[in-house]
């Protein structure tokens, strides 16, 4: 466990250029290493890379991979992973089908953990409605770093 935390910390340093030159490829390498050891924060970050598609870091957009990682981090109680996973269930991305009740449950769990964007989203959440026009706006707001 301690190694995964050290790897995650090193990844953040490379990602943000703290004490080292900013290097997205090295950041991705250390995030992946930490994620493979079960670090929920690394799993959440790698999921974001997959959801957004980060060519510099070597990630093609892949919601299925993002969802898998967010499920693992969510099982460990990570509120950001719960929030992002809820968005996937709400939009039907990387999951078999839209599931508004599962999305509401995940938003609620994330909000209960104190994650402010989840509290805001839960207040605005209307389970079965997202028009095609709103979909693009929702996608831009869905994933947080």
Protein backbone atom coordinates (compact mmCIF):
# COMPACT_ATOMS: atom_id res chain seq x y z
CA UNK A 1 0.00 0.00 0.00
CA UNK A 2 2.73 2.48 0.87
CA UNK A 3 4.40 1.91 -2.47
CA UNK A 4 1.14 2.69 -4.28
CA UNK A 5 0.86 5.97 -2.38
CA UNK A 6 4.47 6.88 -3.21
CA UNK A 7 3.85 6.05 -6.87
CA UNK A 8 0.68 8.15 -6.87
CA UNK A 9 2.52 11.07 -5.27
CA UNK A 10 5.31 10.84 -7.83
CA UNK A 11 2.75 10.74 -10.64
CA UNK A 12 1.14 13.94 -9.34
CA UNK A 13 4.54 15.62 -9.20
CA UNK A 14 5.19 14.75 -12.85
CA UNK A 15 1.63 15.71 -13.83
CA UNK A 16 1.84 19.13 -12.18
CA UNK A 17 5.56 19.76 -12.57
CA UNK A 18 6.20 19.92 -8.83
CA UNK A 19 9.94 19.56 -8.18
CA UNK A 20 10.40 17.96 -11.60
CA UNK A 21 9.70 18.93 -15.18
CA UNK A 22 6.10 18.40 -16.22
CA UNK A 23 6.02 15.04 -18.03
CA UNK A 24 2.62 13.54 -18.85
CA UNK A 25 4.08 10.24 -20.04
CA UNK A 26 5.98 9.67 -16.80
CA UNK A 27 2.93 10.79 -14.83
CA UNK A 28 0.80 8.25 -16.70
CA UNK A 29 3.39 5.53 -16.08
CA UNK A 30 3.34 6.13 -12.29
CA UNK A 31 -0.45 6.54 -12.15
CA UNK A 32 -0.80 3.18 -13.91
CA UNK A 33 1.70 1.54 -11.57
CA UNK A 34 -0.13 2.90 -8.54
CA UNK A 35 -3.50 1.92 -9.98
CA UNK A 36 -2.35 -1.65 -10.56
CA UNK A 37 -1.63 -1.88 -6.82
CA UNK A 38 -5.19 -0.81 -6.05
CA UNK A 39 -4.71 2.89 -5.27
CA UNK A 40 -8.19 4.39 -5.56
CA UNK A 41 -6.92 7.87 -6.37
CA UNK A 42 -4.76 6.58 -9.22
CA UNK A 43 -7.65 4.46 -10.51
CA UNK A 44 -9.84 7.56 -10.51
CA UNK A 45 -7.24 9.64 -12.37
CA UNK A 46 -6.55 6.95 -14.98
CA UNK A 47 -10.32 6.69 -15.47
CA UNK A 48 -10.40 10.43 -16.19
CA UNK A 49 -7.60 10.01 -18.74
CA UNK A 50 -9.61 7.30 -20.50
CA UNK A 51 -12.86 9.30 -20.38
CA UNK A 52 -11.30 12.42 -21.82
CA UNK A 53 -8.81 10.72 -24.11
CA UNK A 54 -5.34 12.01 -23.35
CA UNK A 55 -3.17 11.51 -26.38
CA UNK A 56 -0.06 13.01 -24.76
CA UNK A 57 -0.36 10.46 -21.96
CA UNK A 58 -1.12 7.63 -24.38
CA UNK A 59 -4.83 7.12 -23.65
CA UNK A 60 -7.43 6.76 -26.35
CA UNK A 61 -10.92 7.74 -25.27
CA UNK A 62 -12.49 4.60 -23.81
CA UNK A 63 -15.46 4.86 -21.47
CA UNK A 64 -15.49 1.11 -20.84
CA UNK A 65 -12.00 1.32 -19.32
CA UNK A 66 -12.93 4.45 -17.39
CA UNK A 67 -16.02 2.78 -15.92
CA UNK A 68 -14.06 -0.32 -14.89
CA UNK A 69 -11.50 1.78 -13.03
CA UNK A 70 -14.14 4.00 -11.43
CA UNK A 71 -16.02 0.92 -10.24
CA UNK A 72 -12.86 -0.29 -8.49
CA UNK A 73 -12.22 3.11 -6.89
CA UNK A 74 -15.90 3.52 -6.02
CA UNK A 75 -15.84 0.17 -4.21
CA UNK A 76 -13.16 1.75 -2.00
CA UNK A 77 -15.39 4.76 -1.33
CA UNK A 78 -13.74 7.31 -3.62
CA UNK A 79 -16.28 10.14 -4.01
CA UNK A 80 -14.81 11.47 -7.28
CA UNK A 81 -15.00 8.00 -8.83
CA UNK A 82 -18.59 7.67 -7.58
CA UNK A 83 -19.43 11.04 -9.13
CA UNK A 84 -17.86 10.18 -12.49
CA UNK A 85 -19.43 6.72 -12.51
CA UNK A 86 -22.82 8.32 -11.80
CA UNK A 87 -22.34 10.53 -14.85
CA UNK A 88 -21.68 7.46 -16.97
CA UNK A 89 -24.88 5.80 -15.75
CA UNK A 90 -26.78 9.03 -16.31
CA UNK A 91 -25.46 9.42 -19.87
CA UNK A 92 -25.19 5.73 -20.79
CA UNK A 93 -21.42 5.88 -21.40
CA UNK A 94 -19.35 2.72 -20.91
CA UNK A 95 -22.30 0.92 -19.33
CA UNK A 96 -24.86 -1.41 -20.89
CA UNK A 97 -27.64 1.17 -20.65
CA UNK A 98 -28.61 4.37 -18.89
CA UNK A 99 -29.60 3.71 -15.30
CA UNK A 100 -31.00 6.84 -13.64
CA UNK A 101 -31.60 5.17 -10.28
CA UNK A 102 -28.00 3.87 -10.14
CA UNK A 103 -26.77 7.34 -11.13
CA UNK A 104 -28.85 8.93 -8.34
CA UNK A 105 -27.49 6.41 -5.81
CA UNK A 106 -23.88 7.13 -6.81
CA UNK A 107 -24.41 10.89 -6.77
CA UNK A 108 -25.93 10.51 -3.31
CA UNK A 109 -23.01 8.42 -2.03
CA UNK A 110 -20.53 10.93 -3.41
CA UNK A 111 -22.45 13.86 -1.92
CA UNK A 112 -22.67 12.10 1.45
CA UNK A 113 -18.87 11.84 1.38
CA UNK A 114 -18.73 15.62 1.09
CA UNK A 115 -17.91 15.97 -2.60
CA UNK A 116 -19.42 19.39 -3.43
CA UNK A 117 -19.96 18.86 -7.20
CA UNK A 118 -22.03 15.78 -6.33
CA UNK A 119 -24.17 17.83 -3.95
CA UNK A 120 -24.77 20.34 -6.73
CA UNK A 121 -25.49 17.65 -9.31
CA UNK A 122 -27.87 15.84 -6.97
CA UNK A 123 -29.86 19.05 -6.48
CA UNK A 124 -30.17 19.44 -10.27
CA UNK A 125 -30.59 15.75 -11.07
CA UNK A 126 -33.65 14.80 -13.07
CA UNK A 127 -33.33 11.02 -13.56
CA UNK A 128 -34.72 10.36 -17.00
CA UNK A 129 -34.19 13.56 -18.92
CA UNK A 130 -31.24 14.75 -20.91
CA UNK A 131 -31.95 16.18 -24.31
CA UNK A 132 -29.43 15.77 -27.09
CA UNK A 133 -28.71 19.49 -26.94
CA UNK A 134 -27.95 19.30 -23.20
CA UNK A 135 -25.83 16.19 -23.61
CA UNK A 136 -22.75 18.05 -24.88
CA UNK A 137 -22.98 20.58 -22.04
CA UNK A 138 -23.33 17.78 -19.49
CA UNK A 139 -20.31 15.97 -20.93
CA UNK A 140 -18.16 19.07 -20.56
CA UNK A 141 -19.12 19.36 -16.87
CA UNK A 142 -19.07 15.67 -16.02
CA UNK A 143 -15.44 14.76 -15.36
CA UNK A 144 -13.29 16.52 -12.78
CA UNK A 145 -9.54 16.48 -12.22
